[in-house]
Amino acid sequence: MSFSHSTPLCELLGIRHPLVLAGMAGLANMAPLVSAVSEAGGLGTLGAAYLKPEEIRSHIRAIREMTDAPFAVNLFARVGPDDLGRFDEVNGKLNPLRDSLDLPHPVRSEVRTPDHFEEQFAVLVEEEVPIVSITFGLLSEIHMNRAEQAGMKVIATATTVEEAIRAEKAGCHAVTAQGSEAGGHRGTFGTSSRRMGANIGTMALVPQIVDRVGIPVIAAGGIMDGRGLAAALILGASGVQMGTRFLTSRESGAHPAYKRALLASTEESTILTDAFSGRPARGIENTFIREWNVGGTVPLPFPSQNTLTREIRNAAARRGDAEHMALWAGQGTRLLTDGDSAAEIVRQTAEQARNLLG
C-alpha cells in the first residue's frame, strides 16, 4: 500500500514510503538489507565509503538481483590526506589495547589510508546508480556535473542550517537533517572549530532547515518508528532516515556481539566519541572508549585515526569482543526489536504514521 501522505521525497526518489535506510559504512553484507528496504517501498542505501570500487560494483549487482526498486549508495565527500604528525603519541596510546588483543605494533611507514573516491564514484556512474548520498561535505562541482549528466539524484547530509543551505546551492536534490541523537558519524562538513562537530537535536534542527531551503528535507536522529515519522512530517520534513532501527533486523549484517550490545543498551548508553576514527560519532560506550579517554589524548584526524584503529576493531570482531568494537548507535535503542524483517519495520513504521496523521 502506498503512503497516504505523498511527499516530495517519494515523488523525487520514486519510492512508496518516505523512509530512507541510513548508509551505514562498515556494516557487513549490506545487500540483503538494502534490497529488502527498497523492495518494501523505502529507499535502501548501501554504505560504500570503505568499500573498494569492485566491491561496490559487486554489491550493486547483488542488490539488483534482489529488487528492481530504487536504491542509493553513500560515499564520503572527502577522505584524506593522512595526517600522521602526532603518530608516536597516538600510536603509543593504542599499543596497550593492541597488546590485549595480541596485535603487533605498527610503524609510521606502514600506515596509509587509500583514497578510492574517484574510482568509487566512477563505478556509480558506470552502474547507473539512481541516487547517491554524501556525508562529510559536498560533491565538487565536477562530480555534481557528472552526477547530473548521469541522471543521478544527490542527497547531502547536514547538521546545521548553513550546511543545508550550502547543499541546496550546490545543486543537491534533497538534504538529510542529521540531529545529534543519530548513531554513527556526524555528517558535519568540518570539525576544526568544534572537535565534536555541530550537535543540534532533530526536533530543533528539522524545522529550521525546512524554513530555509526549498528542497526535500529528510529527518534523521532518534527516529525508530511511525511516531518519529509522523512527528518529522509535522515539522515539515518530507521523510525520515533510520539506521539504528534496522541493525537488529533479520537482514542486518551486524556482528552478533554488536546486536547483543544494542539490545542490552538504553537511551543513556551512547556517547559522542572521536576515538575510533578521528571524527565525532555516536556509539555505545565501551572499554575502548573509556580507556582512550583516560589522559585526554586527542586522536589523529580522520582518516588516519580510523586506519590506526582498524585492526583493533577487526580483531575484536573476530573474538566477539564488543568492548573493543565500534558499536555505532543512536539514542532510541529501547525501541529496538530482535529479528523483525526489514520489510516489517518499513510496513509498521508507515502504517503507524498513517494512523497518527489520519
Protein backbone atom coordinates (compact mmCIF):
# COMPACT_ATOMS: atom_id res chain seq x y z
CA MET A 1 0.00 0.00 0.00
CA SER A 2 1.33 3.44 -0.87
CA PHE A 3 1.86 6.01 1.88
CA SER A 4 -1.32 8.03 2.07
CA HIS A 5 0.50 11.33 2.63
CA SER A 6 2.51 11.58 -0.58
CA THR A 7 5.61 13.71 -0.05
CA PRO A 8 8.03 15.49 -2.37
CA LEU A 9 10.66 12.94 -1.31
CA CYS A 10 8.58 9.99 -2.54
CA GLU A 11 7.99 11.75 -5.84
CA LEU A 12 11.65 12.70 -6.22
CA LEU A 13 13.05 9.24 -5.48
CA GLY A 14 10.27 7.05 -6.85
CA ILE A 15 9.54 5.34 -3.53
CA ARG A 16 6.24 4.45 -1.85
CA HIS A 17 7.11 5.28 1.75
CA PRO A 18 9.10 8.35 2.89
CA LEU A 19 11.70 6.25 4.70
CA VAL A 20 15.41 6.03 3.89
CA LEU A 21 17.81 3.43 5.24
CA ALA A 22 20.96 5.15 6.51
CA GLY A 23 24.15 4.36 4.61
CA MET A 24 25.97 2.53 7.38
CA ALA A 25 29.56 2.24 6.18
CA GLY A 26 31.41 -0.78 7.52
CA LEU A 27 28.34 -2.95 8.04
CA ALA A 28 28.92 -6.41 6.63
CA ASN A 29 26.86 -7.95 3.82
CA MET A 30 24.56 -4.98 3.29
CA ALA A 31 22.94 -6.09 0.01
CA PRO A 32 20.11 -8.13 1.63
CA LEU A 33 19.18 -5.26 3.97
CA VAL A 34 19.40 -2.57 1.27
CA SER A 35 17.30 -4.57 -1.17
CA ALA A 36 14.73 -5.52 1.48
CA VAL A 37 14.11 -1.88 2.45
CA SER A 38 13.82 -0.85 -1.20
CA GLU A 39 11.57 -3.77 -2.08
CA ALA A 40 9.31 -2.81 0.83
CA GLY A 41 8.87 0.68 -0.61
CA GLY A 42 11.53 2.65 1.25
CA LEU A 43 14.93 3.69 -0.06
CA GLY A 44 17.69 1.22 0.77
CA THR A 45 21.17 2.74 0.96
CA LEU A 46 24.47 0.92 0.53
CA GLY A 47 27.12 2.33 2.87
CA ALA A 48 30.03 2.09 0.45
CA ALA A 49 32.59 4.56 1.79
CA TYR A 50 35.01 1.86 2.99
CA LEU A 51 34.50 -0.49 0.05
CA LYS A 52 36.91 -0.91 -2.82
CA PRO A 53 35.46 0.04 -6.23
CA GLU A 54 34.94 -3.52 -7.39
CA GLU A 55 33.34 -4.43 -4.07
CA ILE A 56 30.84 -1.61 -4.64
CA ARG A 57 30.12 -2.94 -8.11
CA SER A 58 29.53 -6.43 -6.71
CA HIS A 59 27.16 -5.12 -4.04
CA ILE A 60 25.22 -3.02 -6.55
CA ARG A 61 24.71 -6.02 -8.80
CA ALA A 62 23.69 -8.19 -5.84
CA ILE A 63 21.09 -5.59 -4.82
CA ARG A 64 19.72 -5.51 -8.35
CA GLU A 65 19.35 -9.28 -8.36
CA MET A 66 17.04 -8.93 -5.34
CA THR A 67 14.98 -5.87 -6.29
CA ASP A 68 14.07 -3.62 -9.21
CA ALA A 69 13.23 -0.77 -6.83
CA PRO A 70 15.34 2.41 -6.50
CA PHE A 71 18.26 2.40 -4.05
CA ALA A 72 21.09 4.73 -3.08
CA VAL A 73 24.83 4.44 -2.49
CA ASN A 74 26.51 6.52 0.20
CA LEU A 75 30.08 7.85 -0.08
CA PHE A 76 32.22 10.21 1.99
CA ALA A 77 32.76 13.56 0.26
CA ARG A 78 36.34 13.72 1.49
CA VAL A 79 38.66 11.06 2.87
CA GLY A 80 42.25 12.28 3.10
CA PRO A 81 45.02 13.09 3.08
CA ASP A 82 46.54 11.33 6.06
CA ASP A 83 47.87 13.46 8.89
CA LEU A 84 50.41 11.48 10.91
CA GLY A 85 52.07 14.44 12.63
CA ARG A 86 51.33 13.08 16.12
CA PHE A 87 51.73 9.43 15.16
CA ASP A 88 54.08 8.40 18.00
CA GLU A 89 51.86 9.88 20.71
CA VAL A 90 48.63 8.33 19.40
CA ASN A 91 50.21 5.00 18.45
CA GLY A 92 51.68 4.73 21.93
CA LYS A 93 48.24 5.26 23.39
CA LEU A 94 46.81 2.45 21.26
CA ASN A 95 49.59 -0.09 21.81
CA PRO A 96 48.34 -1.36 25.21
CA LEU A 97 44.99 -2.08 23.56
CA ARG A 98 46.80 -3.94 20.79
CA ASP A 99 48.70 -5.95 23.39
CA SER A 100 45.43 -7.06 25.00
CA LEU A 101 44.34 -8.39 21.59
CA ASP A 102 47.74 -9.93 20.67
CA LEU A 103 48.24 -7.48 17.81
CA PRO A 104 51.60 -6.17 16.53
CA HIS A 105 52.59 -2.53 16.90
CA PRO A 106 52.53 -0.73 13.52
CA VAL A 107 55.22 1.72 12.47
CA ARG A 108 54.56 5.04 10.80
CA SER A 109 55.79 3.98 7.37
CA GLU A 110 53.19 1.17 7.31
CA VAL A 111 50.19 3.47 7.86
CA ARG A 112 48.46 4.75 4.76
CA THR A 113 44.78 5.34 4.04
CA PRO A 114 43.83 4.68 0.41
CA ASP A 115 41.51 7.21 -1.22
CA HIS A 116 39.35 5.41 -3.78
CA PHE A 117 36.77 8.16 -4.19
CA GLU A 118 37.35 8.79 -7.91
CA GLU A 119 37.12 5.09 -8.72
CA GLN A 120 34.16 4.60 -6.37
CA PHE A 121 32.23 7.43 -7.99
CA ALA A 122 33.09 6.11 -11.44
CA VAL A 123 31.50 2.77 -10.53
CA LEU A 124 28.30 4.54 -9.51
CA VAL A 125 28.16 6.27 -12.90
CA GLU A 126 29.02 3.10 -14.82
CA GLU A 127 26.41 1.05 -12.94
CA GLU A 128 23.79 3.79 -13.39
CA VAL A 129 23.04 4.07 -9.68
CA PRO A 130 19.92 6.25 -9.40
CA ILE A 131 20.75 8.05 -6.15
CA VAL A 132 23.98 8.99 -4.37
CA SER A 133 24.08 10.27 -0.81
CA ILE A 134 27.08 12.15 0.52
CA THR A 135 28.49 12.54 4.04
CA PHE A 136 31.25 14.85 5.40
CA GLY A 137 30.62 17.66 2.92
CA LEU A 138 29.51 18.09 -0.67
CA LEU A 139 30.46 16.79 -4.07
CA SER A 140 32.77 19.02 -6.07
CA GLU A 141 31.26 20.95 -8.95
CA ILE A 142 32.88 18.48 -11.36
CA HIS A 143 31.28 15.50 -9.63
CA MET A 144 27.94 17.26 -9.33
CA ASN A 145 28.02 17.83 -13.09
CA ARG A 146 28.86 14.17 -13.68
CA ALA A 147 26.01 13.09 -11.43
CA GLU A 148 23.61 15.39 -13.29
CA GLN A 149 24.74 14.09 -16.66
CA ALA A 150 24.21 10.53 -15.40
CA GLY A 151 20.71 11.37 -14.17
CA MET A 152 21.62 10.68 -10.52
CA LYS A 153 19.80 12.35 -7.67
CA VAL A 154 22.13 13.68 -4.95
CA ILE A 155 21.31 13.72 -1.22
CA ALA A 156 23.60 15.63 1.17
CA THR A 157 23.90 15.29 4.96
CA ALA A 158 23.67 18.47 7.05
CA THR A 159 23.98 19.07 10.78
CA THR A 160 23.33 22.82 10.63
CA VAL A 161 21.11 25.19 8.67
CA GLU A 162 24.16 26.69 6.96
CA GLU A 163 25.28 23.27 5.71
CA ALA A 164 21.80 22.64 4.32
CA ILE A 165 21.78 25.99 2.52
CA ARG A 166 25.17 25.17 1.01
CA ALA A 167 23.85 21.79 -0.12
CA GLU A 168 20.91 23.39 -1.91
CA LYS A 169 23.13 25.99 -3.56
CA ALA A 170 25.45 23.21 -4.75
CA GLY A 171 22.55 21.59 -6.59
CA CYS A 172 21.64 18.74 -4.22
CA HIS A 173 18.15 17.36 -4.73
CA ALA A 174 17.44 16.65 -1.05
CA VAL A 175 19.17 17.09 2.30
CA THR A 176 19.25 14.89 5.40
CA ALA A 177 18.94 16.94 8.59
CA GLN A 178 21.00 14.84 11.00
CA GLY A 179 20.16 15.57 14.62
CA SER A 180 22.51 14.91 17.49
CA GLU A 181 20.53 11.79 18.50
CA ALA A 182 21.71 9.96 15.38
CA GLY A 183 24.03 6.98 15.60
CA GLY A 184 27.30 6.72 13.72
CA HIS A 185 29.39 9.51 12.30
CA ARG A 186 28.24 13.10 12.47
CA GLY A 187 27.87 14.47 8.95
CA THR A 188 29.35 17.83 9.92
CA PHE A 189 31.28 19.28 6.97
CA GLY A 190 34.29 20.26 9.08
CA THR A 191 35.26 19.90 12.75
CA SER A 192 38.23 22.24 13.06
CA SER A 193 36.40 24.79 15.27
CA ARG A 194 34.36 22.26 17.28
CA ARG A 195 36.00 18.93 17.95
CA MET A 196 32.66 17.10 18.29
CA GLY A 197 31.01 18.98 15.45
CA ALA A 198 27.55 20.54 15.44
CA ASN A 199 25.06 18.73 17.66
CA ILE A 200 21.60 20.25 17.33
CA GLY A 201 18.73 17.95 18.23
CA THR A 202 16.47 16.63 15.48
CA MET A 203 13.34 18.42 16.74
CA ALA A 204 15.16 21.75 16.70
CA LEU A 205 17.14 21.22 13.50
CA VAL A 206 14.46 19.97 11.12
CA PRO A 207 12.03 22.93 11.14
CA GLN A 208 14.86 25.44 10.94
CA ILE A 209 16.25 23.75 7.84
CA VAL A 210 12.77 23.30 6.34
CA ASP A 211 12.17 27.05 6.67
CA ARG A 212 15.35 27.92 4.80
CA VAL A 213 15.67 25.51 1.88
CA GLY A 214 13.35 24.61 -0.96
CA ILE A 215 14.48 21.00 -1.44
CA PRO A 216 13.01 17.99 0.41
CA VAL A 217 14.34 17.55 3.95
CA ILE A 218 14.90 14.09 5.46
CA ALA A 219 14.84 14.00 9.26
CA ALA A 220 17.42 11.78 10.97
CA GLY A 221 18.34 11.07 14.55
CA GLY A 222 16.46 9.04 17.16
CA ILE A 223 13.65 8.08 14.78
CA MET A 224 12.67 4.47 15.39
CA ASP A 225 9.01 4.07 14.43
CA GLY A 226 5.92 5.69 12.95
CA ARG A 227 5.69 8.20 15.78
CA GLY A 228 9.02 9.62 14.70
CA LEU A 229 7.97 9.63 11.04
CA ALA A 230 4.69 11.40 11.84
CA ALA A 231 6.49 13.97 14.01
CA ALA A 232 9.05 14.63 11.27
CA LEU A 233 6.32 15.17 8.67
CA ILE A 234 4.50 17.56 11.01
CA LEU A 235 7.75 19.51 11.45
CA GLY A 236 7.89 19.93 7.67
CA ALA A 237 10.27 17.14 6.67
CA SER A 238 9.42 15.08 3.60
CA GLY A 239 10.62 11.83 5.12
CA VAL A 240 12.94 10.21 7.63
CA GLN A 241 16.23 8.35 7.67
CA MET A 242 16.60 5.38 10.01
CA GLY A 243 19.75 3.37 10.66
CA THR A 244 19.90 2.02 14.21
CA ARG A 245 16.36 0.63 13.90
CA PHE A 246 17.48 -1.80 11.19
CA LEU A 247 20.67 -3.03 12.88
CA THR A 248 18.85 -5.79 14.75
CA SER A 249 16.64 -6.73 11.82
CA ARG A 250 16.67 -10.18 10.26
CA GLU A 251 18.65 -8.98 7.21
CA SER A 252 21.20 -6.95 9.16
CA GLY A 253 24.85 -7.89 8.72
CA ALA A 254 25.75 -6.51 12.16
CA HIS A 255 28.04 -8.75 14.22
CA PRO A 256 26.12 -10.89 16.79
CA ALA A 257 28.05 -9.22 19.63
CA TYR A 258 27.07 -5.83 18.23
CA LYS A 259 23.40 -6.85 18.12
CA ARG A 260 23.54 -8.10 21.71
CA ALA A 261 25.06 -4.82 22.86
CA LEU A 262 22.37 -2.87 21.03
CA LEU A 263 19.53 -4.90 22.54
CA ALA A 264 21.01 -4.53 26.03
CA SER A 265 21.52 -0.76 25.73
CA THR A 266 19.34 2.16 26.81
CA GLU A 267 18.97 5.85 25.95
CA GLU A 268 21.86 6.51 28.35
CA SER A 269 24.30 4.06 26.78
CA THR A 270 25.63 6.07 23.85
CA ILE A 271 28.29 8.76 23.76
CA LEU A 272 29.84 11.03 21.17
CA THR A 273 33.45 10.00 20.55
CA ASP A 274 36.20 10.59 18.02
CA ALA A 275 38.42 7.87 19.50
CA PHE A 276 37.79 5.31 16.76
CA SER A 277 38.05 7.42 13.63
CA GLY A 278 39.14 10.97 14.42
CA ARG A 279 35.66 12.24 13.52
CA PRO A 280 32.81 12.57 16.01
CA ALA A 281 30.39 9.66 16.03
CA ARG A 282 27.72 8.36 18.41
CA GLY A 283 28.08 4.84 19.71
CA ILE A 284 27.66 2.67 22.79
CA GLU A 285 30.31 3.49 25.37
CA ASN A 286 32.65 0.55 25.92
CA THR A 287 36.11 -0.28 27.24
CA PHE A 288 37.89 1.07 24.16
CA ILE A 289 36.27 4.50 24.54
CA ARG A 290 36.76 4.64 28.30
CA GLU A 291 40.44 3.66 28.12
CA TRP A 292 41.07 6.08 25.27
CA ASN A 293 39.55 8.92 27.27
CA VAL A 294 41.94 8.41 30.19
CA GLY A 295 44.59 11.09 29.89
CA GLY A 296 42.77 13.18 27.32
CA THR A 297 44.83 12.27 24.23
CA VAL A 298 43.46 13.90 21.08
CA PRO A 299 43.12 11.39 18.22
CA LEU A 300 44.67 11.86 14.81
CA PRO A 301 42.37 13.49 12.28
CA PHE A 302 40.15 11.31 10.10
CA PRO A 303 41.01 9.10 8.26
CA SER A 304 44.35 8.41 9.97
CA GLN A 305 42.84 7.53 13.37
CA ASN A 306 40.35 5.24 11.66
CA THR A 307 43.18 3.46 9.87
CA LEU A 308 45.22 3.11 13.07
CA THR A 309 42.32 1.54 14.98
CA ARG A 310 41.02 -0.72 12.19
CA GLU A 311 42.99 -3.82 13.19
CA ILE A 312 41.93 -3.39 16.82
CA ARG A 313 38.28 -3.32 15.74
CA ASN A 314 38.74 -6.23 13.35
CA ALA A 315 40.50 -8.38 15.96
CA ALA A 316 37.78 -7.61 18.48
CA ALA A 317 35.11 -8.65 15.96
CA ARG A 318 36.90 -11.95 15.33
CA ARG A 319 36.80 -12.62 19.07
CA GLY A 320 33.24 -11.44 19.53
CA ASP A 321 34.62 -8.78 21.88
CA ALA A 322 32.11 -5.91 21.88
CA GLU A 323 34.26 -3.96 24.35
CA HIS A 324 36.74 -3.06 21.59
CA MET A 325 34.37 -2.73 18.62
CA ALA A 326 32.79 0.47 17.27
CA LEU A 327 29.16 0.00 18.35
CA TRP A 328 27.53 2.85 16.44
CA ALA A 329 24.00 3.52 17.69
CA GLY A 330 21.52 6.34 18.16
CA GLN A 331 19.69 7.28 21.33
CA GLY A 332 16.47 5.34 20.70
CA THR A 333 17.73 1.82 21.42
CA ARG A 334 15.00 0.88 23.92
CA LEU A 335 12.72 0.78 20.85
CA LEU A 336 14.74 -1.93 19.11
CA THR A 337 13.26 -5.35 18.47
CA ASP A 338 15.11 -8.59 17.83
CA GLY A 339 14.79 -10.22 14.43
CA ASP A 340 11.95 -8.36 12.73
CA SER A 341 12.31 -8.35 8.96
CA ALA A 342 13.28 -5.07 7.30
CA ALA A 343 10.04 -5.18 5.33
CA GLU A 344 8.04 -5.47 8.53
CA ILE A 345 9.86 -2.49 10.04
CA VAL A 346 9.10 -0.40 6.96
CA ARG A 347 5.47 -1.52 6.92
CA GLN A 348 4.90 -0.94 10.64
CA THR A 349 6.54 2.49 10.54
CA ALA A 350 4.46 3.65 7.59
CA GLU A 351 1.22 2.21 8.98
CA GLN A 352 1.72 3.75 12.42
CA ALA A 353 2.43 7.15 10.88
CA ARG A 354 -0.63 6.92 8.66
CA ASN A 355 -2.82 6.12 11.65
CA LEU A 356 -1.41 9.03 13.64
CA LEU A 357 -1.77 11.55 10.83
CA GLY A 358 -5.25 10.41 9.86
